[in-house]
C-alpha atoms as a PDB file:
ATOM      1  CA  UNK A   1      -3.942  -6.141  29.114  1.00  0.00           C
ATOM      2  CA  UNK A   2      -5.377  -6.311  25.663  1.00  0.00           C
ATOM      3  CA  UNK A   3      -8.576  -7.770  24.816  1.00  0.00           C
ATOM      4  CA  UNK A   4     -10.486 -10.116  26.990  1.00  0.00           C
ATOM      5  CA  UNK A   5     -12.834 -13.069  26.008  1.00  0.00           C
ATOM      6  CA  UNK A   6     -14.592 -15.657  28.096  1.00  0.00           C
ATOM      7  CA  UNK A   7     -12.773 -19.044  28.108  1.00  0.00           C
ATOM      8  CA  UNK A   8     -15.771 -21.141  26.269  1.00  0.00           C
ATOM      9  CA  UNK A   9     -16.141 -19.198  22.924  1.00  0.00           C
ATOM     10  CA  UNK A  10     -19.284 -19.558  20.752  1.00  0.00           C
ATOM     11  CA  UNK A  11     -19.111 -22.153  18.239  1.00  0.00           C
ATOM     12  CA  UNK A  12     -18.178 -21.548  14.705  1.00  0.00           C
ATOM     13  CA  UNK A  13     -19.175 -24.526  12.611  1.00  0.00           C
ATOM     14  CA  UNK A  14     -17.501 -23.423   9.511  1.00  0.00           C
ATOM     15  CA  UNK A  15     -14.164 -23.271  11.373  1.00  0.00           C
ATOM     16  CA  UNK A  16     -14.711 -26.496  13.313  1.00  0.00           C
ATOM     17  CA  UNK A  17     -15.417 -28.545  10.186  1.00  0.00           C
ATOM     18  CA  UNK A  18     -12.367 -27.155   8.400  1.00  0.00           C
ATOM     19  CA  UNK A  19     -10.250 -27.977  11.566  1.00  0.00           C
ATOM     20  CA  UNK A  20     -11.786 -31.675  11.744  1.00  0.00           C
ATOM     21  CA  UNK A  21     -11.172 -31.965   7.972  1.00  0.00           C
ATOM     22  CA  UNK A  22      -7.244 -31.031   8.297  1.00  0.00           C
ATOM     23  CA  UNK A  23      -6.943 -34.170  10.429  1.00  0.00           C
ATOM     24  CA  UNK A  24      -7.601 -36.565   7.264  1.00  0.00           C
ATOM     25  CA  UNK A  25      -4.765 -39.105   7.292  1.00  0.00           C
ATOM     26  CA  UNK A  26      -2.622 -40.203   5.228  1.00  0.00           C
ATOM     27  CA  UNK A  27      -2.393 -36.606   3.781  1.00  0.00           C
ATOM     28  CA  UNK A  28       1.610 -35.356   3.957  1.00  0.00           C
ATOM     29  CA  UNK A  29       1.717 -32.242   6.177  1.00  0.00           C
ATOM     30  CA  UNK A  30       3.365 -30.324   3.780  1.00  0.00           C
ATOM     31  CA  UNK A  31       0.561 -30.529   1.029  1.00  0.00           C
ATOM     32  CA  UNK A  32      -1.792 -29.885   4.092  1.00  0.00           C
ATOM     33  CA  UNK A  33       0.145 -26.445   4.824  1.00  0.00           C
ATOM     34  CA  UNK A  34       0.498 -25.511   1.133  1.00  0.00           C
ATOM     35  CA  UNK A  35      -3.267 -25.749   0.594  1.00  0.00           C
ATOM     36  CA  UNK A  36      -4.149 -23.701   4.020  1.00  0.00           C
ATOM     37  CA  UNK A  37      -1.592 -21.652   3.427  1.00  0.00           C
ATOM     38  CA  UNK A  38      -3.187 -20.766  -0.143  1.00  0.00           C
ATOM     39  CA  UNK A  39      -6.371 -20.628   1.458  1.00  0.00           C
ATOM     40  CA  UNK A  40      -5.341 -18.026   3.945  1.00  0.00           C
ATOM     41  CA  UNK A  41      -3.938 -15.849   0.895  1.00  0.00           C
ATOM     42  CA  UNK A  42      -7.197 -16.006  -1.177  1.00  0.00           C
ATOM     43  CA  UNK A  43      -9.671 -15.478   2.000  1.00  0.00           C
ATOM     44  CA  UNK A  44      -7.466 -12.562   3.330  1.00  0.00           C
ATOM     45  CA  UNK A  45      -7.258 -10.656  -0.152  1.00  0.00           C
ATOM     46  CA  UNK A  46     -11.140 -11.195  -0.518  1.00  0.00           C
ATOM     47  CA  UNK A  47     -11.708 -10.458   3.146  1.00  0.00           C
ATOM     48  CA  UNK A  48      -9.797  -7.264   2.415  1.00  0.00           C
ATOM     49  CA  UNK A  49     -11.642  -6.348  -0.587  1.00  0.00           C
ATOM     50  CA  UNK A  50     -14.904  -6.798   0.556  1.00  0.00           C
ATOM     51  CA  UNK A  51     -13.768  -5.046   4.169  1.00  0.00           C
ATOM     52  CA  UNK A  52     -12.999  -1.902   1.573  1.00  0.00           C
ATOM     53  CA  UNK A  53     -16.314  -2.001   0.002  1.00  0.00           C
ATOM     54  CA  UNK A  54     -18.346  -1.942   3.212  1.00  0.00           C
ATOM     55  CA  UNK A  55     -15.953   0.360   4.820  1.00  0.00           C
ATOM     56  CA  UNK A  56     -16.527   2.862   1.986  1.00  0.00           C
ATOM     57  CA  UNK A  57     -20.499   2.622   1.516  1.00  0.00           C
ATOM     58  CA  UNK A  58     -21.019   2.502   5.498  1.00  0.00           C
ATOM     59  CA  UNK A  59     -18.464   4.752   6.722  1.00  0.00           C
ATOM     60  CA  UNK A  60     -16.425   7.795   5.881  1.00  0.00           C
ATOM     61  CA  UNK A  61     -13.582   6.440   3.457  1.00  0.00           C
ATOM     62  CA  UNK A  62     -11.091   8.199   5.463  1.00  0.00           C
ATOM     63  CA  UNK A  63     -12.234   6.047   8.783  1.00  0.00           C
ATOM     64  CA  UNK A  64     -10.516   2.708   6.907  1.00  0.00           C
ATOM     65  CA  UNK A  65      -7.737   1.842   9.042  1.00  0.00           C
ATOM     66  CA  UNK A  66      -5.594   1.323   6.223  1.00  0.00           C
ATOM     67  CA  UNK A  67      -6.116   5.105   4.923  1.00  0.00           C
ATOM     68  CA  UNK A  68      -6.475   6.414   8.432  1.00  0.00           C
ATOM     69  CA  UNK A  69      -2.946   4.847   9.304  1.00  0.00           C
ATOM     70  CA  UNK A  70      -1.550   6.343   6.496  1.00  0.00           C
ATOM     71  CA  UNK A  71      -3.002   9.843   7.087  1.00  0.00           C
ATOM     72  CA  UNK A  72      -1.972   9.755  11.025  1.00  0.00           C
ATOM     73  CA  UNK A  73       1.838   8.431   9.512  1.00  0.00           C
ATOM     74  CA  UNK A  74       1.839  11.955   7.557  1.00  0.00           C
ATOM     75  CA  UNK A  75       0.093  14.278   9.194  1.00  0.00           C
ATOM     76  CA  UNK A  76       2.725  15.501  11.309  1.00  0.00           C
ATOM     77  CA  UNK A  77       5.135  15.317   8.364  1.00  0.00           C
ATOM     78  CA  UNK A  78       3.509  17.140   6.018  1.00  0.00           C
ATOM     79  CA  UNK A  79       3.185  20.829   6.734  1.00  0.00           C
ATOM     80  CA  UNK A  80       0.284  23.573   5.376  1.00  0.00           C
ATOM     81  CA  UNK A  81       3.268  25.006   3.252  1.00  0.00           C
ATOM     82  CA  UNK A  82       4.373  22.153   1.531  1.00  0.00           C
ATOM     83  CA  UNK A  83       3.435  21.387  -2.308  1.00  0.00           C
ATOM     84  CA  UNK A  84       3.115  17.923  -2.905  1.00  0.00           C
ATOM     85  CA  UNK A  85       2.912  15.293  -5.982  1.00  0.00           C
ATOM     86  CA  UNK A  86       0.965  12.451  -5.469  1.00  0.00           C
ATOM     87  CA  UNK A  87       2.146   9.622  -8.227  1.00  0.00           C
ATOM     88  CA  UNK A  88      -0.489   6.990  -9.604  1.00  0.00           C
ATOM     89  CA  UNK A  89      -3.298   8.996  -7.819  1.00  0.00           C
ATOM     90  CA  UNK A  90      -5.919   6.654  -9.357  1.00  0.00           C
ATOM     91  CA  UNK A  91      -9.271   8.083  -8.524  1.00  0.00           C
ATOM     92  CA  UNK A  92      -8.143  10.737  -6.721  1.00  0.00           C
ATOM     93  CA  UNK A  93      -9.402   9.604  -3.014  1.00  0.00           C
ATOM     94  CA  UNK A  94      -5.950   9.940  -1.714  1.00  0.00           C
ATOM     95  CA  UNK A  95      -4.723  13.090  -3.127  1.00  0.00           C
ATOM     96  CA  UNK A  96      -8.048  14.504  -1.513  1.00  0.00           C
ATOM     97  CA  UNK A  97      -7.109  13.668   1.718  1.00  0.00           C
ATOM     98  CA  UNK A  98      -3.781  14.828   1.238  1.00  0.00           C
ATOM     99  CA  UNK A  99      -4.887  18.524   0.127  1.00  0.00           C
ATOM    100  CA  UNK A 100      -6.154  18.601   3.915  1.00  0.00           C
ATOM    101  CA  UNK A 101      -2.768  19.031   5.573  1.00  0.00           C
ATOM    102  CA  UNK A 102      -0.513  20.714   2.596  1.00  0.00           C
ATOM    103  CA  UNK A 103      -0.757  23.585   0.370  1.00  0.00           C
ATOM    104  CA  UNK A 104      -1.636  22.037  -2.748  1.00  0.00           C
ATOM    105  CA  UNK A 105      -1.417  18.653  -4.235  1.00  0.00           C
ATOM    106  CA  UNK A 106      -1.112  17.613  -7.824  1.00  0.00           C
ATOM    107  CA  UNK A 107      -2.226  13.639  -8.656  1.00  0.00           C
ATOM    108  CA  UNK A 108      -0.729  12.636 -11.819  1.00  0.00           C
ATOM    109  CA  UNK A 109      -1.788   9.087 -13.581  1.00  0.00           C
ATOM    110  CA  UNK A 110      -1.821   7.995 -16.906  1.00  0.00           C
ATOM    111  CA  UNK A 111      -5.331   6.191 -16.840  1.00  0.00           C
ATOM    112  CA  UNK A 112      -7.610   8.937 -18.300  1.00  0.00           C
ATOM    113  CA  UNK A 113     -11.027   7.593 -16.843  1.00  0.00           C
ATOM    114  CA  UNK A 114      -9.475   7.475 -13.558  1.00  0.00           C
ATOM    115  CA  UNK A 115      -8.490  11.273 -13.822  1.00  0.00           C
ATOM    116  CA  UNK A 116     -12.053  12.277 -14.852  1.00  0.00           C
ATOM    117  CA  UNK A 117     -13.489  10.409 -12.275  1.00  0.00           C
ATOM    118  CA  UNK A 118     -11.026  12.519 -10.100  1.00  0.00           C
ATOM    119  CA  UNK A 119     -11.656  15.914 -11.439  1.00  0.00           C
ATOM    120  CA  UNK A 120     -15.634  15.276 -11.147  1.00  0.00           C
ATOM    121  CA  UNK A 121     -15.722  13.939  -7.670  1.00  0.00           C
ATOM    122  CA  UNK A 122     -12.384  15.262  -5.941  1.00  0.00           C
ATOM    123  CA  UNK A 123     -12.085  19.062  -7.549  1.00  0.00           C
ATOM    124  CA  UNK A 124     -10.879  21.498  -4.964  1.00  0.00           C
ATOM    125  CA  UNK A 125      -8.948  24.772  -5.044  1.00  0.00           C
ATOM    126  CA  UNK A 126      -5.679  23.389  -4.125  1.00  0.00           C
ATOM    127  CA  UNK A 127      -6.313  20.087  -5.958  1.00  0.00           C
ATOM    128  CA  UNK A 128      -5.137  19.269  -9.598  1.00  0.00           C
ATOM    129  CA  UNK A 129      -5.082  16.301 -11.656  1.00  0.00           C
ATOM    130  CA  UNK A 130      -3.466  15.725 -14.735  1.00  0.00           C
ATOM    131  CA  UNK A 131      -3.410  12.611 -17.345  1.00  0.00           C
ATOM    132  CA  UNK A 132       0.294  12.386 -17.703  1.00  0.00           C
ATOM    133  CA  UNK A 133       3.720  10.132 -17.065  1.00  0.00           C
ATOM    134  CA  UNK A 134       4.700  11.643 -13.887  1.00  0.00           C
ATOM    135  CA  UNK A 135       8.062  12.359 -15.052  1.00  0.00           C
ATOM    136  CA  UNK A 136       7.654  14.120 -18.577  1.00  0.00           C
ATOM    137  CA  UNK A 137       5.072  16.080 -16.424  1.00  0.00           C
ATOM    138  CA  UNK A 138       7.937  16.980 -13.875  1.00  0.00           C
ATOM    139  CA  UNK A 139      10.378  17.944 -16.875  1.00  0.00           C
ATOM    140  CA  UNK A 140       7.650  20.148 -18.468  1.00  0.00           C
ATOM    141  CA  UNK A 141       6.079  21.598 -15.127  1.00  0.00           C
ATOM    142  CA  UNK A 142       7.556  25.025 -13.853  1.00  0.00           C
ATOM    143  CA  UNK A 143       6.079  24.159 -10.423  1.00  0.00           C
ATOM    144  CA  UNK A 144       8.393  23.096  -7.167  1.00  0.00           C
ATOM    145  CA  UNK A 145       7.268  20.256  -5.780  1.00  0.00           C
ATOM    146  CA  UNK A 146       8.257  19.742  -1.572  1.00  0.00           C
ATOM    147  CA  UNK A 147       7.055  15.948  -1.378  1.00  0.00           C
ATOM    148  CA  UNK A 148       6.692  13.159  -3.304  1.00  0.00           C
ATOM    149  CA  UNK A 149       3.972  10.485  -2.350  1.00  0.00           C
ATOM    150  CA  UNK A 150       4.389   7.304  -4.191  1.00  0.00           C
ATOM    151  CA  UNK A 151       1.798   4.729  -2.083  1.00  0.00           C
ATOM    152  CA  UNK A 152       0.951   1.258  -3.615  1.00  0.00           C
ATOM    153  CA  UNK A 153       2.795   2.286  -6.825  1.00  0.00           C
ATOM    154  CA  UNK A 154       6.206   0.949  -7.056  1.00  0.00           C
ATOM    155  CA  UNK A 155       5.236  -2.923  -7.033  1.00  0.00           C
ATOM    156  CA  UNK A 156       3.226  -2.713 -10.348  1.00  0.00           C
ATOM    157  CA  UNK A 157       6.220  -1.264 -12.242  1.00  0.00           C
ATOM    158  CA  UNK A 158       8.592  -2.845 -14.347  1.00  0.00           C
ATOM    159  CA  UNK A 159      11.672  -0.829 -12.917  1.00  0.00           C
ATOM    160  CA  UNK A 160      10.659   0.496  -9.722  1.00  0.00           C
ATOM    161  CA  UNK A 161      14.216   1.401  -8.778  1.00  0.00           C
ATOM    162  CA  UNK A 162      14.515   3.224 -12.038  1.00  0.00           C
ATOM    163  CA  UNK A 163      11.539   5.476 -11.023  1.00  0.00           C
ATOM    164  CA  UNK A 164      12.660   6.466  -7.966  1.00  0.00           C
ATOM    165  CA  UNK A 165      16.009   7.677  -9.718  1.00  0.00           C
ATOM    166  CA  UNK A 166      14.283   9.524 -12.240  1.00  0.00           C
ATOM    167  CA  UNK A 167      11.662  11.338  -9.846  1.00  0.00           C
ATOM    168  CA  UNK A 168      14.111  11.736  -6.807  1.00  0.00           C
ATOM    169  CA  UNK A 169      15.769  14.885  -8.070  1.00  0.00           C
ATOM    170  CA  UNK A 170      12.421  17.106  -8.054  1.00  0.00           C
ATOM    171  CA  UNK A 171      11.826  16.547  -4.476  1.00  0.00           C
ATOM    172  CA  UNK A 172      13.228  17.268  -0.704  1.00  0.00           C
ATOM    173  CA  UNK A 173      11.227  14.503   0.458  1.00  0.00           C
ATOM    174  CA  UNK A 174       9.185  11.458  -0.425  1.00  0.00           C
ATOM    175  CA  UNK A 175       6.553   9.331   0.988  1.00  0.00           C
ATOM    176  CA  UNK A 176       6.595   5.684  -0.648  1.00  0.00           C
ATOM    177  CA  UNK A 177       4.520   2.640   0.659  1.00  0.00           C
ATOM    178  CA  UNK A 178       4.316  -0.798  -0.191  1.00  0.00           C
ATOM    179  CA  UNK A 179       2.758  -3.833   0.397  1.00  0.00           C
ATOM    180  CA  UNK A 180       5.085  -5.773   2.755  1.00  0.00           C
ATOM    181  CA  UNK A 181       5.489  -9.790   1.991  1.00  0.00           C
ATOM    182  CA  UNK A 182       7.007 -10.146   5.225  1.00  0.00           C
ATOM    183  CA  UNK A 183       3.620  -9.330   6.776  1.00  0.00           C
ATOM    184  CA  UNK A 184       2.765 -13.011   7.630  1.00  0.00           C
ATOM    185  CA  UNK A 185       5.676 -15.116   8.204  1.00  0.00           C
ATOM    186  CA  UNK A 186       3.961 -17.868   5.954  1.00  0.00           C
ATOM    187  CA  UNK A 187       6.142 -16.495   3.138  1.00  0.00           C
ATOM    188  CA  UNK A 188       8.906 -17.450   4.543  1.00  0.00           C
ATOM    189  CA  UNK A 189       8.130 -20.796   5.954  1.00  0.00           C
ATOM    190  CA  UNK A 190       7.249 -21.299   1.998  1.00  0.00           C
ATOM    191  CA  UNK A 191      10.718 -20.375   0.906  1.00  0.00           C
ATOM    192  CA  UNK A 192      12.165 -22.523   3.699  1.00  0.00           C
ATOM    193  CA  UNK A 193       9.983 -25.252   2.625  1.00  0.00           C
ATOM    194  CA  UNK A 194      10.746 -24.787  -1.077  1.00  0.00           C
ATOM    195  CA  UNK A 195       7.174 -24.196  -1.890  1.00  0.00           C
ATOM    196  CA  UNK A 196       6.035 -21.278  -4.148  1.00  0.00           C
ATOM    197  CA  UNK A 197       4.898 -18.075  -2.944  1.00  0.00           C
ATOM    198  CA  UNK A 198       1.923 -16.126  -4.064  1.00  0.00           C
ATOM    199  CA  UNK A 199       2.103 -13.289  -5.014  1.00  0.00           C
ATOM    200  CA  UNK A 200      -0.025 -10.319  -3.641  1.00  0.00           C
ATOM    201  CA  UNK A 201      -1.847  -9.149  -6.357  1.00  0.00           C
ATOM    202  CA  UNK A 202      -2.399 -10.158  -9.982  1.00  0.00           C
ATOM    203  CA  UNK A 203      -1.087  -7.093 -11.074  1.00  0.00           C
ATOM    204  CA  UNK A 204       2.372  -6.692  -9.070  1.00  0.00           C
ATOM    205  CA  UNK A 205       5.201  -7.244 -10.830  1.00  0.00           C
ATOM    206  CA  UNK A 206       7.433  -7.148  -7.860  1.00  0.00           C
ATOM    207  CA  UNK A 207       6.921  -7.945  -4.282  1.00  0.00           C
ATOM    208  CA  UNK A 208       9.236  -6.420  -1.627  1.00  0.00           C
ATOM    209  CA  UNK A 209      10.664  -7.533   1.696  1.00  0.00           C
ATOM    210  CA  UNK A 210      11.939  -4.884   4.083  1.00  0.00           C
ATOM    211  CA  UNK A 211      15.699  -5.454   3.339  1.00  0.00           C
ATOM    212  CA  UNK A 212      14.534  -4.779  -0.350  1.00  0.00           C
ATOM    213  CA  UNK A 213      13.655  -1.254   0.708  1.00  0.00           C
ATOM    214  CA  UNK A 214      16.661  -0.441   2.815  1.00  0.00           C
ATOM    215  CA  UNK A 215      18.891  -1.510  -0.248  1.00  0.00           C
ATOM    216  CA  UNK A 216      16.834   0.315  -2.633  1.00  0.00           C
ATOM    217  CA  UNK A 217      16.816   3.682  -0.244  1.00  0.00           C
ATOM    218  CA  UNK A 218      20.674   3.572   0.348  1.00  0.00           C
ATOM    219  CA  UNK A 219      21.559   2.762  -3.584  1.00  0.00           C
ATOM    220  CA  UNK A 220      19.429   5.641  -4.803  1.00  0.00           C
ATOM    221  CA  UNK A 221      20.793   7.805  -1.476  1.00  0.00           C
ATOM    222  CA  UNK A 222      17.643   8.400  -0.028  1.00  0.00           C
ATOM    223  CA  UNK A 223      17.422   8.366   4.305  1.00  0.00           C
ATOM    224  CA  UNK A 224      14.767   6.848   5.829  1.00  0.00           C
ATOM    225  CA  UNK A 225      13.617   9.657   8.632  1.00  0.00           C
ATOM    226  CA  UNK A 226      10.811   7.226   9.952  1.00  0.00           C
ATOM    227  CA  UNK A 227       9.322   3.746   9.109  1.00  0.00           C
ATOM    228  CA  UNK A 228       5.941   1.852   9.742  1.00  0.00           C
ATOM    229  CA  UNK A 229       5.168  -1.824   9.329  1.00  0.00           C
ATOM    230  CA  UNK A 230       1.273  -2.092  10.006  1.00  0.00           C
ATOM    231  CA  UNK A 231      -1.960  -3.257   8.420  1.00  0.00           C
ATOM    232  CA  UNK A 232       0.383  -5.260   5.738  1.00  0.00           C
ATOM    233  CA  UNK A 233       2.229  -2.148   4.471  1.00  0.00           C
ATOM    234  CA  UNK A 234       5.268  -0.614   5.065  1.00  0.00           C
ATOM    235  CA  UNK A 235       5.570   3.016   5.250  1.00  0.00           C
ATOM    236  CA  UNK A 236       8.506   5.089   4.676  1.00  0.00           C
ATOM    237  CA  UNK A 237       9.343   8.763   4.996  1.00  0.00           C
ATOM    238  CA  UNK A 238      12.631   9.451   3.286  1.00  0.00           C
ATOM    239  CA  UNK A 239      14.988  12.817   2.816  1.00  0.00           C
ATOM    240  CA  UNK A 240      16.238  12.968  -0.978  1.00  0.00           C
END
């Protein structure tokens, strides 16, 4: 029946103080909502960043809930015979994790410093890291790939749909993950109230709701085989 708590909870003095401040009279409710929803955004963001750092420092990085959720979603979809391309692989952590469940994986990123770090820390017999534009690399590569992994990249691009159109011809399946703007109802409430939305990250060009992804996949002829909405991320396993 879920988690159980005592009816009388330990007192959190900071929370109590903030709650009392929220009852200040003469301040319109709309201003209070905007103020506290903005605080919710920044506190959630900071908690995420420090939670990631602490988990990686204290535990195996694979145990971080977001990393584990991605691995659990993919482990029964990718076979030991599959050859993968990890688009926008960054420092190689995810590429290293994927190598455990496939025949081989190539991580591609345009950031030479991150590729250098990946080669120094995650080199393996079935892992290769390449500093290049993914489309240019695929045009010149003689390697055949089964699965495209595109995790947390589309939101950073000026033309995410154009990238999918360019890449899809090289793969049979794709795993696509993007942050979920609908993870909290607060964004929809802001829209209804005419309040400006927060971006989810300073480097994001696009923010996606679920309908956006359905339309993108339909337009590009990609069939959603399975999806999951968890921990603020939309995960899709699609067939080309």
